[in-house]
C-alpha atoms as a PDB file:
ATOM      1  CA  MET A   1     -10.004 -17.593  27.413  1.00  0.00           C
ATOM      2  CA  LEU A   2      -6.686 -15.740  27.395  1.00  0.00           C
ATOM      3  CA  PHE A   3      -4.099 -16.133  30.130  1.00  0.00           C
ATOM      4  CA  ILE A   4      -0.883 -14.218  30.784  1.00  0.00           C
ATOM      5  CA  ASP A   5       1.792 -16.389  32.335  1.00  0.00           C
ATOM      6  CA  GLY A   6       5.539 -16.367  32.890  1.00  0.00           C
ATOM      7  CA  LEU A   7       8.106 -15.789  30.186  1.00  0.00           C
ATOM      8  CA  GLN A   8       8.602 -18.576  27.687  1.00  0.00           C
ATOM      9  CA  THR A   9      11.654 -19.321  25.559  1.00  0.00           C
ATOM     10  CA  ILE A  10      11.582 -21.095  22.232  1.00  0.00           C
ATOM     11  CA  SER A  11      14.636 -22.111  20.236  1.00  0.00           C
ATOM     12  CA  TYR A  12      14.414 -21.347  16.517  1.00  0.00           C
ATOM     13  CA  PHE A  13      16.552 -21.822  13.454  1.00  0.00           C
ATOM     14  CA  CYS A  14      18.879 -18.814  13.083  1.00  0.00           C
ATOM     15  CA  PRO A  15      19.203 -17.930   9.386  1.00  0.00           C
ATOM     16  CA  LYS A  16      22.163 -16.583   7.485  1.00  0.00           C
ATOM     17  CA  HIS A  17      21.525 -13.378   5.549  1.00  0.00           C
ATOM     18  CA  TYR A  18      19.956 -14.062   2.189  1.00  0.00           C
ATOM     19  CA  THR A  19      19.855 -11.644  -0.700  1.00  0.00           C
ATOM     20  CA  MET A  20      16.059 -11.620  -0.939  1.00  0.00           C
ATOM     21  CA  THR A  21      13.281 -13.724   0.534  1.00  0.00           C
ATOM     22  CA  LEU A  22       9.906 -14.656  -0.947  1.00  0.00           C
ATOM     23  CA  LEU A  23       7.189 -15.435   1.613  1.00  0.00           C
ATOM     24  CA  LEU A  24       4.125 -17.270   0.300  1.00  0.00           C
ATOM     25  CA  MET A  25       0.863 -17.382   2.231  1.00  0.00           C
ATOM     26  CA  ALA A  26      -0.532 -20.904   1.830  1.00  0.00           C
ATOM     27  CA  ALA A  27      -2.549 -21.471   5.001  1.00  0.00           C
ATOM     28  CA  GLY A  28      -6.032 -20.761   3.615  1.00  0.00           C
ATOM     29  CA  SER A  29      -8.865 -23.265   3.437  1.00  0.00           C
ATOM     30  CA  GLY A  30     -10.208 -22.506  -0.067  1.00  0.00           C
ATOM     31  CA  SER A  31     -13.846 -22.440   1.033  1.00  0.00           C
ATOM     32  CA  ARG A  32     -15.159 -20.868  -2.197  1.00  0.00           C
ATOM     33  CA  TYR A  33     -12.838 -22.970  -4.361  1.00  0.00           C
ATOM     34  CA  GLY A  34     -13.996 -26.230  -2.817  1.00  0.00           C
ATOM     35  CA  LYS A  35     -10.543 -27.691  -2.057  1.00  0.00           C
ATOM     36  CA  LEU A  36      -7.019 -26.671  -1.091  1.00  0.00           C
ATOM     37  CA  LYS A  37      -6.324 -24.579  -4.179  1.00  0.00           C
ATOM     38  CA  GLN A  38      -2.720 -23.948  -3.129  1.00  0.00           C
ATOM     39  CA  PHE A  39      -1.958 -27.597  -3.913  1.00  0.00           C
ATOM     40  CA  ASP A  40      -4.047 -28.060  -7.047  1.00  0.00           C
ATOM     41  CA  GLY A  41      -2.015 -29.055 -10.095  1.00  0.00           C
ATOM     42  CA  LEU A  42      -2.620 -26.225 -12.579  1.00  0.00           C
ATOM     43  CA  GLY A  43       0.586 -26.377 -14.612  1.00  0.00           C
ATOM     44  CA  PRO A  44       1.206 -28.559 -17.687  1.00  0.00           C
ATOM     45  CA  ASN A  45       2.948 -31.080 -15.445  1.00  0.00           C
ATOM     46  CA  GLU A  46       0.620 -30.665 -12.462  1.00  0.00           C
ATOM     47  CA  GLU A  47       2.727 -27.881 -10.950  1.00  0.00           C
ATOM     48  CA  PHE A  48       1.128 -25.809  -8.215  1.00  0.00           C
ATOM     49  CA  LEU A  49       0.397 -22.181  -9.042  1.00  0.00           C
ATOM     50  CA  MET A  50       2.855 -21.064  -6.369  1.00  0.00           C
ATOM     51  CA  GLU A  51       5.682 -22.802  -8.236  1.00  0.00           C
ATOM     52  CA  PHE A  52       5.430 -20.308 -11.090  1.00  0.00           C
ATOM     53  CA  SER A  53       5.763 -17.426  -8.636  1.00  0.00           C
ATOM     54  CA  ILE A  54       8.775 -19.140  -7.087  1.00  0.00           C
ATOM     55  CA  PHE A  55      10.287 -19.634 -10.550  1.00  0.00           C
ATOM     56  CA  ASP A  56       9.800 -15.942 -11.367  1.00  0.00           C
ATOM     57  CA  ALA A  57      11.339 -14.926  -8.041  1.00  0.00           C
ATOM     58  CA  LEU A  58      14.411 -17.111  -8.560  1.00  0.00           C
ATOM     59  CA  GLU A  59      14.915 -15.510 -11.989  1.00  0.00           C
ATOM     60  CA  ASN A  60      15.222 -12.187 -10.149  1.00  0.00           C
ATOM     61  CA  GLU A  61      17.852 -13.285  -7.592  1.00  0.00           C
ATOM     62  CA  PHE A  62      15.587 -14.330  -4.742  1.00  0.00           C
ATOM     63  CA  ASP A  63      17.315 -17.185  -2.939  1.00  0.00           C
ATOM     64  CA  HIS A  64      15.183 -17.915   0.123  1.00  0.00           C
ATOM     65  CA  ILE A  65      11.658 -19.324  -0.075  1.00  0.00           C
ATOM     66  CA  VAL A  66       9.404 -19.290   2.995  1.00  0.00           C
ATOM     67  CA  VAL A  67       5.928 -20.840   2.890  1.00  0.00           C
ATOM     68  CA  ILE A  68       3.337 -20.367   5.639  1.00  0.00           C
ATOM     69  CA  THR A  69       0.919 -23.298   5.788  1.00  0.00           C
ATOM     70  CA  LYS A  70      -1.143 -25.528   8.047  1.00  0.00           C
ATOM     71  CA  SER A  71       0.452 -28.194  10.242  1.00  0.00           C
ATOM     72  CA  GLU A  72      -1.018 -31.066   8.207  1.00  0.00           C
ATOM     73  CA  ASN A  73       0.709 -29.788   5.044  1.00  0.00           C
ATOM     74  CA  GLN A  74       4.126 -28.886   6.424  1.00  0.00           C
ATOM     75  CA  SER A  75       6.079 -32.119   5.895  1.00  0.00           C
ATOM     76  CA  PHE A  76       4.589 -32.770   2.471  1.00  0.00           C
ATOM     77  CA  LEU A  77       5.296 -29.264   1.196  1.00  0.00           C
ATOM     78  CA  GLN A  78       8.821 -29.127   2.609  1.00  0.00           C
ATOM     79  CA  GLU A  79       9.784 -32.325   0.807  1.00  0.00           C
ATOM     80  CA  TYR A  80       7.876 -31.415  -2.353  1.00  0.00           C
ATOM     81  CA  LEU A  81       9.715 -28.119  -2.775  1.00  0.00           C
ATOM     82  CA  LYS A  82      13.137 -29.392  -1.766  1.00  0.00           C
ATOM     83  CA  GLU A  83      12.901 -32.129  -4.390  1.00  0.00           C
ATOM     84  CA  ARG A  84      12.137 -29.607  -7.133  1.00  0.00           C
ATOM     85  CA  LEU A  85      13.900 -26.318  -6.399  1.00  0.00           C
ATOM     86  CA  PRO A  86      17.602 -25.738  -7.128  1.00  0.00           C
ATOM     87  CA  LYS A  87      19.782 -26.976  -4.291  1.00  0.00           C
ATOM     88  CA  LYS A  88      21.234 -23.505  -3.660  1.00  0.00           C
ATOM     89  CA  VAL A  89      17.781 -22.212  -2.676  1.00  0.00           C
ATOM     90  CA  MET A  90      16.936 -22.266   1.018  1.00  0.00           C
ATOM     91  CA  VAL A  91      13.385 -23.478   1.725  1.00  0.00           C
ATOM     92  CA  ASP A  92      11.530 -23.048   5.024  1.00  0.00           C
ATOM     93  CA  VAL A  93       7.963 -24.288   5.435  1.00  0.00           C
ATOM     94  CA  ILE A  94       6.427 -22.821   8.582  1.00  0.00           C
ATOM     95  CA  VAL A  95       3.179 -23.606  10.364  1.00  0.00           C
ATOM     96  CA  GLN A  96       0.784 -20.830  11.328  1.00  0.00           C
ATOM     97  CA  SER A  97      -0.427 -21.960  14.727  1.00  0.00           C
ATOM     98  CA  ILE A  98      -3.089 -20.559  17.010  1.00  0.00           C
ATOM     99  CA  ALA A  99      -0.717 -21.299  19.887  1.00  0.00           C
ATOM    100  CA  ASP A 100       2.005 -19.028  18.450  1.00  0.00           C
ATOM    101  CA  LEU A 101       1.550 -15.954  20.644  1.00  0.00           C
ATOM    102  CA  PRO A 102       3.751 -13.197  22.048  1.00  0.00           C
ATOM    103  CA  VAL A 103       5.799 -14.132  25.091  1.00  0.00           C
ATOM    104  CA  GLY A 104       3.644 -14.040  28.184  1.00  0.00           C
ATOM    105  CA  PHE A 105       0.384 -14.829  26.388  1.00  0.00           C
ATOM    106  CA  GLN A 106      -1.448 -18.133  26.192  1.00  0.00           C
ATOM    107  CA  TYR A 107      -4.794 -18.891  24.566  1.00  0.00           C
ATOM    108  CA  ASP A 108      -6.942 -21.740  25.866  1.00  0.00           C
ATOM    109  CA  GLY A 109     -10.202 -21.174  24.036  1.00  0.00           C
ATOM    110  CA  LEU A 110     -12.231 -22.793  21.268  1.00  0.00           C
ATOM    111  CA  ARG A 111     -10.930 -20.760  18.343  1.00  0.00           C
ATOM    112  CA  GLU A 112     -10.839 -22.694  15.035  1.00  0.00           C
ATOM    113  CA  LYS A 113      -9.091 -20.313  12.602  1.00  0.00           C
ATOM    114  CA  PRO A 114      -5.613 -18.794  13.027  1.00  0.00           C
ATOM    115  CA  TRP A 115      -5.194 -15.140  13.881  1.00  0.00           C
ATOM    116  CA  GLY A 116      -5.168 -13.679  10.340  1.00  0.00           C
ATOM    117  CA  THR A 117      -2.751 -12.690   7.595  1.00  0.00           C
ATOM    118  CA  ALA A 118      -0.641 -10.356   9.737  1.00  0.00           C
ATOM    119  CA  HIS A 119      -0.168 -13.199  12.207  1.00  0.00           C
ATOM    120  CA  ALA A 120       0.805 -15.499   9.321  1.00  0.00           C
ATOM    121  CA  VAL A 121       3.609 -13.095   8.400  1.00  0.00           C
ATOM    122  CA  TRP A 122       4.645 -12.799  12.051  1.00  0.00           C
ATOM    123  CA  SER A 123       4.969 -16.600  12.147  1.00  0.00           C
ATOM    124  CA  ALA A 124       8.097 -16.213   9.995  1.00  0.00           C
ATOM    125  CA  ARG A 125       9.824 -13.707  12.285  1.00  0.00           C
ATOM    126  CA  GLN A 126      12.656 -16.045  13.262  1.00  0.00           C
ATOM    127  CA  PHE A 127      13.325 -17.143   9.689  1.00  0.00           C
ATOM    128  CA  ILE A 128      13.618 -13.868   7.778  1.00  0.00           C
ATOM    129  CA  LYS A 129      16.213 -11.123   7.992  1.00  0.00           C
ATOM    130  CA  GLY A 130      16.292  -8.043   5.791  1.00  0.00           C
ATOM    131  CA  ASP A 131      14.061  -7.398   2.797  1.00  0.00           C
ATOM    132  CA  PHE A 132      11.333  -9.783   1.711  1.00  0.00           C
ATOM    133  CA  VAL A 133       8.292 -10.044  -0.537  1.00  0.00           C
ATOM    134  CA  ILE A 134       4.875 -11.310   0.594  1.00  0.00           C
ATOM    135  CA  ILE A 135       2.392 -12.873  -1.851  1.00  0.00           C
ATOM    136  CA  ASN A 136      -0.598 -15.204  -1.882  1.00  0.00           C
ATOM    137  CA  ALA A 137       0.282 -18.755  -2.915  1.00  0.00           C
ATOM    138  CA  ASP A 138      -2.955 -19.110  -4.886  1.00  0.00           C
ATOM    139  CA  ASP A 139      -2.439 -16.084  -7.143  1.00  0.00           C
ATOM    140  CA  TYR A 140      -0.348 -15.629 -10.294  1.00  0.00           C
ATOM    141  CA  TYR A 141       1.405 -12.245 -10.369  1.00  0.00           C
ATOM    142  CA  GLY A 142       3.446 -12.315 -13.581  1.00  0.00           C
ATOM    143  CA  LYS A 143       7.138 -11.920 -14.346  1.00  0.00           C
ATOM    144  CA  PRO A 144       7.086  -8.086 -14.531  1.00  0.00           C
ATOM    145  CA  ALA A 145       5.860  -7.927 -10.936  1.00  0.00           C
ATOM    146  CA  PHE A 146       8.846  -9.845  -9.580  1.00  0.00           C
ATOM    147  CA  LYS A 147      11.283  -7.882 -11.725  1.00  0.00           C
ATOM    148  CA  ALA A 148       9.849  -4.608 -10.416  1.00  0.00           C
ATOM    149  CA  ALA A 149       9.931  -5.825  -6.809  1.00  0.00           C
ATOM    150  CA  ALA A 150      13.558  -6.936  -7.108  1.00  0.00           C
ATOM    151  CA  GLN A 151      14.552  -3.591  -8.604  1.00  0.00           C
ATOM    152  CA  PHE A 152      12.740  -1.774  -5.809  1.00  0.00           C
ATOM    153  CA  ILE A 153      14.612  -3.758  -3.151  1.00  0.00           C
ATOM    154  CA  LYS A 154      17.997  -3.157  -4.777  1.00  0.00           C
ATOM    155  CA  LYS A 155      17.433   0.607  -5.017  1.00  0.00           C
ATOM    156  CA  ASN A 156      15.673   1.044  -1.681  1.00  0.00           C
ATOM    157  CA  ASN A 157      18.165   2.522   0.777  1.00  0.00           C
ATOM    158  CA  SER A 158      15.622   4.258   3.005  1.00  0.00           C
ATOM    159  CA  GLY A 159      13.815   1.235   4.433  1.00  0.00           C
ATOM    160  CA  GLN A 160      10.544   1.998   2.653  1.00  0.00           C
ATOM    161  CA  PHE A 161       7.955  -0.670   2.011  1.00  0.00           C
ATOM    162  CA  GLY A 162       6.454  -1.265  -1.412  1.00  0.00           C
ATOM    163  CA  LEU A 163       3.152  -2.485  -2.830  1.00  0.00           C
ATOM    164  CA  VAL A 164       2.853  -3.857  -6.350  1.00  0.00           C
ATOM    165  CA  THR A 165      -0.404  -2.515  -7.788  1.00  0.00           C
ATOM    166  CA  TYR A 166      -2.591  -3.682 -10.673  1.00  0.00           C
ATOM    167  CA  LYS A 167      -5.438  -2.153 -12.658  1.00  0.00           C
ATOM    168  CA  LEU A 168      -8.794  -3.235 -11.261  1.00  0.00           C
ATOM    169  CA  SER A 169     -10.070  -4.395 -14.667  1.00  0.00           C
ATOM    170  CA  ASP A 170      -7.200  -6.891 -14.887  1.00  0.00           C
ATOM    171  CA  THR A 171      -8.108  -8.598 -11.611  1.00  0.00           C
ATOM    172  CA  LEU A 172     -11.806  -9.458 -11.915  1.00  0.00           C
ATOM    173  CA  SER A 173     -13.317 -12.938 -12.134  1.00  0.00           C
ATOM    174  CA  GLU A 174     -15.932 -14.002 -14.675  1.00  0.00           C
ATOM    175  CA  HIS A 175     -17.359 -16.442 -12.143  1.00  0.00           C
ATOM    176  CA  GLY A 176     -18.390 -14.277  -9.227  1.00  0.00           C
ATOM    177  CA  ALA A 177     -17.732 -11.263  -7.026  1.00  0.00           C
ATOM    178  CA  VAL A 178     -14.263 -10.519  -5.681  1.00  0.00           C
ATOM    179  CA  SER A 179     -12.828  -8.518  -2.821  1.00  0.00           C
ATOM    180  CA  ARG A 180     -10.257  -5.842  -3.683  1.00  0.00           C
ATOM    181  CA  GLY A 181      -8.359  -3.136  -1.873  1.00  0.00           C
ATOM    182  CA  LEU A 182      -8.607   0.130  -3.830  1.00  0.00           C
ATOM    183  CA  CYS A 183      -5.389   2.138  -3.568  1.00  0.00           C
ATOM    184  CA  LYS A 184      -5.157   5.898  -3.214  1.00  0.00           C
ATOM    185  CA  VAL A 185      -1.753   6.981  -4.508  1.00  0.00           C
ATOM    186  CA  ASP A 186      -0.125  10.419  -4.412  1.00  0.00           C
ATOM    187  CA  GLU A 187       3.052  10.924  -6.484  1.00  0.00           C
ATOM    188  CA  GLY A 188       3.963   7.277  -6.145  1.00  0.00           C
ATOM    189  CA  ARG A 189       3.277   7.110  -2.419  1.00  0.00           C
ATOM    190  CA  LEU A 190       0.517   4.877  -1.104  1.00  0.00           C
ATOM    191  CA  VAL A 191      -1.886   7.016   0.915  1.00  0.00           C
ATOM    192  CA  SER A 192      -4.578   4.489   1.825  1.00  0.00           C
ATOM    193  CA  ILE A 193      -6.344   1.273   0.842  1.00  0.00           C
ATOM    194  CA  GLU A 194     -10.127   1.070   0.886  1.00  0.00           C
ATOM    195  CA  GLU A 195     -11.600  -2.414   0.961  1.00  0.00           C
ATOM    196  CA  PHE A 196     -14.504  -3.323  -1.326  1.00  0.00           C
ATOM    197  CA  THR A 197     -15.767  -6.818  -0.679  1.00  0.00           C
ATOM    198  CA  ARG A 198     -18.179  -7.625  -3.514  1.00  0.00           C
ATOM    199  CA  ILE A 199     -16.959  -6.244  -6.826  1.00  0.00           C
ATOM    200  CA  GLU A 200     -18.469  -7.469 -10.083  1.00  0.00           C
ATOM    201  CA  SER A 201     -18.501  -6.368 -13.708  1.00  0.00           C
ATOM    202  CA  ILE A 202     -22.154  -6.038 -14.736  1.00  0.00           C
ATOM    203  CA  GLN A 203     -23.060  -4.976 -18.281  1.00  0.00           C
ATOM    204  CA  GLY A 204     -19.781  -3.155 -18.705  1.00  0.00           C
ATOM    205  CA  ASN A 205     -19.895  -1.417 -15.323  1.00  0.00           C
ATOM    206  CA  ILE A 206     -17.702  -2.363 -12.374  1.00  0.00           C
ATOM    207  CA  ILE A 207     -19.771  -2.105  -9.208  1.00  0.00           C
ATOM    208  CA  ASP A 208     -19.255  -2.953  -5.555  1.00  0.00           C
ATOM    209  CA  GLN A 209     -22.530  -4.665  -4.665  1.00  0.00           C
ATOM    210  CA  ILE A 210     -22.276  -3.832  -0.961  1.00  0.00           C
ATOM    211  CA  SER A 211     -21.742  -0.083  -1.181  1.00  0.00           C
ATOM    212  CA  GLY A 212     -23.215   0.510  -4.641  1.00  0.00           C
ATOM    213  CA  VAL A 213     -20.076   2.438  -5.628  1.00  0.00           C
ATOM    214  CA  ASN A 214     -19.137   2.470  -9.310  1.00  0.00           C
ATOM    215  CA  LEU A 215     -15.449   1.812  -9.814  1.00  0.00           C
ATOM    216  CA  HIS A 216     -13.172   2.669 -12.740  1.00  0.00           C
ATOM    217  CA  PRO A 217     -11.335  -0.020 -14.734  1.00  0.00           C
ATOM    218  CA  ASP A 218      -8.032   1.834 -14.274  1.00  0.00           C
ATOM    219  CA  ASP A 219      -8.335   2.126 -10.498  1.00  0.00           C
ATOM    220  CA  LEU A 220      -5.238   0.715  -8.819  1.00  0.00           C
ATOM    221  CA  VAL A 221      -5.767  -2.232  -6.498  1.00  0.00           C
ATOM    222  CA  SER A 222      -3.696  -4.264  -4.097  1.00  0.00           C
ATOM    223  CA  MET A 223      -3.378  -7.988  -4.770  1.00  0.00           C
ATOM    224  CA  ASN A 224      -1.333  -8.524  -1.594  1.00  0.00           C
ATOM    225  CA  PHE A 225       2.075  -8.295  -3.245  1.00  0.00           C
ATOM    226  CA  TRP A 226       3.997  -6.470  -0.521  1.00  0.00           C
ATOM    227  CA  VAL A 227       7.684  -5.605  -0.269  1.00  0.00           C
ATOM    228  CA  CYS A 228       8.714  -5.302   3.391  1.00  0.00           C
ATOM    229  CA  ASN A 229      11.690  -5.599   5.684  1.00  0.00           C
ATOM    230  CA  ASP A 230      12.073  -7.299   9.016  1.00  0.00           C
ATOM    231  CA  LYS A 231      11.063  -4.278  11.096  1.00  0.00           C
ATOM    232  CA  ILE A 232       7.470  -5.279  10.394  1.00  0.00           C
ATOM    233  CA  PHE A 233       7.724  -8.196  12.824  1.00  0.00           C
ATOM    234  CA  ASP A 234       8.147  -6.032  15.922  1.00  0.00           C
ATOM    235  CA  TYR A 235       5.273  -3.810  14.850  1.00  0.00           C
ATOM    236  CA  ILE A 236       2.956  -6.771  14.244  1.00  0.00           C
ATOM    237  CA  GLU A 237       3.823  -8.093  17.691  1.00  0.00           C
ATOM    238  CA  GLY A 238       2.816  -4.858  19.381  1.00  0.00           C
ATOM    239  CA  TYR A 239      -0.354  -4.697  17.272  1.00  0.00           C
ATOM    240  CA  PHE A 240      -1.116  -8.319  18.160  1.00  0.00           C
ATOM    241  CA  LYS A 241      -0.686  -7.701  21.886  1.00  0.00           C
ATOM    242  CA  SER A 242      -3.193  -4.851  21.743  1.00  0.00           C
ATOM    243  CA  PHE A 243      -5.568  -7.081  19.812  1.00  0.00           C
ATOM    244  CA  LEU A 244      -5.271  -9.901  22.365  1.00  0.00           C
ATOM    245  CA  ALA A 245      -6.053  -7.507  25.203  1.00  0.00           C
ATOM    246  CA  ILE A 246      -9.636  -7.132  23.910  1.00  0.00           C
ATOM    247  CA  PRO A 247     -11.688 -10.191  24.968  1.00  0.00           C
ATOM    248  CA  GLU A 248     -14.188  -9.750  22.119  1.00  0.00           C
ATOM    249  CA  ASN A 249     -11.425 -10.435  19.598  1.00  0.00           C
ATOM    250  CA  LEU A 250     -10.404 -13.825  20.903  1.00  0.00           C
ATOM    251  CA  GLU A 251     -12.964 -16.182  19.415  1.00  0.00           C
ATOM    252  CA  LYS A 252     -13.161 -15.174  15.748  1.00  0.00           C
ATOM    253  CA  SER A 253     -11.520 -11.821  14.960  1.00  0.00           C
ATOM    254  CA  GLU A 254      -8.302 -11.623  12.938  1.00  0.00           C
ATOM    255  CA  ILE A 255      -5.455  -9.178  12.339  1.00  0.00           C
ATOM    256  CA  TYR A 256      -5.017  -8.346   8.666  1.00  0.00           C
ATOM    257  CA  LEU A 257      -1.728  -7.379   7.046  1.00  0.00           C
ATOM    258  CA  PRO A 258      -3.064  -4.357   5.083  1.00  0.00           C
ATOM    259  CA  PHE A 259      -4.520  -2.870   8.279  1.00  0.00           C
ATOM    260  CA  VAL A 260      -1.209  -3.293  10.108  1.00  0.00           C
ATOM    261  CA  ILE A 261       0.757  -1.658   7.298  1.00  0.00           C
ATOM    262  CA  GLN A 262      -1.718   1.207   7.029  1.00  0.00           C
ATOM    263  CA  GLU A 263      -1.328   1.840  10.758  1.00  0.00           C
ATOM    264  CA  MET A 264       2.458   1.837  10.285  1.00  0.00           C
ATOM    265  CA  MET A 265       1.982   4.490   7.602  1.00  0.00           C
ATOM    266  CA  ILE A 266      -0.271   6.606   9.817  1.00  0.00           C
ATOM    267  CA  GLN A 267       2.170   6.355  12.727  1.00  0.00           C
ATOM    268  CA  GLY A 268       5.065   7.378  10.483  1.00  0.00           C
ATOM    269  CA  VAL A 269       6.873   4.080  11.021  1.00  0.00           C
ATOM    270  CA  THR A 270       7.227   3.497   7.291  1.00  0.00           C
ATOM    271  CA  GLU A 271       6.306   4.905   3.901  1.00  0.00           C
ATOM    272  CA  VAL A 272       4.901   2.628   1.209  1.00  0.00           C
ATOM    273  CA  ARG A 273       5.691   3.216  -2.451  1.00  0.00           C
ATOM    274  CA  ALA A 274       3.179   2.070  -5.058  1.00  0.00           C
ATOM    275  CA  ILE A 275       4.986  -0.083  -7.617  1.00  0.00           C
ATOM    276  CA  GLN A 276       2.735   0.115 -10.664  1.00  0.00           C
ATOM    277  CA  VAL A 277       3.220  -2.744 -13.119  1.00  0.00           C
ATOM    278  CA  LYS A 278       1.678  -3.864 -16.361  1.00  0.00           C
ATOM    279  CA  SER A 279       1.649  -7.538 -15.605  1.00  0.00           C
ATOM    280  CA  PRO A 280      -0.757 -10.439 -16.013  1.00  0.00           C
ATOM    281  CA  TRP A 281      -2.564 -11.442 -12.852  1.00  0.00           C
ATOM    282  CA  PHE A 282      -5.086 -14.133 -12.103  1.00  0.00           C
ATOM    283  CA  GLY A 283      -6.302 -16.011  -9.086  1.00  0.00           C
ATOM    284  CA  VAL A 284      -8.382 -19.085  -8.421  1.00  0.00           C
ATOM    285  CA  THR A 285     -11.034 -17.731  -6.090  1.00  0.00           C
ATOM    286  CA  TYR A 286     -13.708 -19.971  -7.614  1.00  0.00           C
ATOM    287  CA  TYR A 287     -13.316 -23.483  -8.983  1.00  0.00           C
ATOM    288  CA  ASN A 288     -14.361 -22.287 -12.438  1.00  0.00           C
ATOM    289  CA  ASP A 289     -11.317 -19.976 -12.406  1.00  0.00           C
ATOM    290  CA  LYS A 290      -9.181 -23.122 -12.680  1.00  0.00           C
ATOM    291  CA  LEU A 291      -9.711 -23.564 -16.434  1.00  0.00           C
ATOM    292  CA  HIS A 292      -8.644 -19.984 -17.113  1.00  0.00           C
ATOM    293  CA  ALA A 293      -5.540 -20.447 -14.991  1.00  0.00           C
ATOM    294  CA  GLN A 294      -4.601 -23.670 -16.756  1.00  0.00           C
ATOM    295  CA  ASP A 295      -5.103 -22.114 -20.199  1.00  0.00           C
ATOM    296  CA  ALA A 296      -3.029 -19.074 -19.267  1.00  0.00           C
ATOM    297  CA  ILE A 297      -0.129 -21.140 -17.948  1.00  0.00           C
ATOM    298  CA  ARG A 298      -0.178 -23.379 -21.017  1.00  0.00           C
ATOM    299  CA  GLY A 299      -0.017 -20.255 -23.143  1.00  0.00           C
ATOM    300  CA  PHE A 300       2.932 -18.854 -21.189  1.00  0.00           C
ATOM    301  CA  THR A 301       4.718 -22.182 -21.523  1.00  0.00           C
ATOM    302  CA  ALA A 302       4.039 -22.378 -25.271  1.00  0.00           C
ATOM    303  CA  LYS A 303       5.591 -18.904 -25.653  1.00  0.00           C
ATOM    304  CA  GLY A 304       8.738 -20.090 -23.872  1.00  0.00           C
ATOM    305  CA  LEU A 305       8.217 -18.040 -20.716  1.00  0.00           C
ATOM    306  CA  TYR A 306       8.468 -21.221 -18.656  1.00  0.00           C
ATOM    307  CA  PRO A 307      10.177 -24.545 -19.370  1.00  0.00           C
ATOM    308  CA  SER A 308       8.152 -27.750 -19.269  1.00  0.00           C
ATOM    309  CA  PRO A 309       8.613 -29.419 -16.896  1.00  0.00           C
ATOM    310  CA  LEU A 310       9.235 -26.361 -14.763  1.00  0.00           C
ATOM    311  CA  TRP A 311      12.088 -27.870 -12.748  1.00  0.00           C
ATOM    312  CA  THR A 312      14.977 -30.030 -13.914  1.00  0.00           C
ATOM    313  CA  ASN A 313      16.181 -31.343 -10.526  1.00  0.00           C
END
C-alpha cells in the first residue's frame, strides 16, 4: 500500500565536480546464472568482470566510480574497490532500496524487488553531477567503447545523451536465448529501441522466438551502455511519481531506463546519438558463459591489454 505523507529531508554527501563518472549497475540477483555473477572471479587473479570496465574507464580519464548494489553487498564492495583502485579515484557504493522514494511518498507493501533499472540510476542522484556513463556490472564492453564514450562527452556541448551500440551478431550467447533492444538509427540519431526478449541463433538464422521475427546479424543493439548527464534524475523522478500513482504497479512492476530515455526523446527533452563501435562484448547471462569470459580475459591479458594482476595498489 502506498501512502503520501509530509515532506521528508535526507542529508546526503555533496560531491565535488568530477571530470567523468562511471555508474555500474550491480544490484541484480543473477537468477539464470545461479549466483551473484557481479562478484564472480573471472579474471586471471579472480578479478570481477566489472573491474575490467573500471580499468578501461580510468584509462580514458574517468575519475569517479559509482556502483549501485544491494544493502548486503555495500560494505564489502566499498572496501574491496577502495583497496584496489588508485587513491585519486573517488568511489561511491550506493544501495538501491525499495524505501528510496520521492519526497512525500512512502511504500508499506510486500514488494520484494526494487523498482527497476531507472530507479537504480535515480538512487545515485545525490552523488553525480555532470556527465556520466551507465553500464551493467556483469557485462564486458571493450576498450573501444570507453574511448568512444569519453570522446563523445568531451565533444558534447549540446547536452545530448549517447548510446554505445553493437552489432547483434557480436552479442549472442551459445548457451541460450538473450534479450536485446534493437536500435533504429537515422543519420546517427537514435530513433527508437524495440525489445526482443528471446533471441537465438538457430542453424545460421537469428530469430526472436517470441515474435518469430528474423533479425539481421548487422542490426544495431543496445547493451545498456548509456552516456547521460544529471538532468536525467529530475525526469526519472517525475516518471517515477506517475508510476507510483497507479496502484497496479506497486507490487511487481518496474521502471526501466530505456523506456524513460525513449520518453525523454519523444518529449523533446533530449536527443540520443548512436555511438557505433567495433568492440568486443560479452556477458555472463548463463553460467556456461563463464568459461568464455575467462578465456577472453586471459587472451586480452596475454596480449598486454591488461596487466596481471590488474591493480598494483
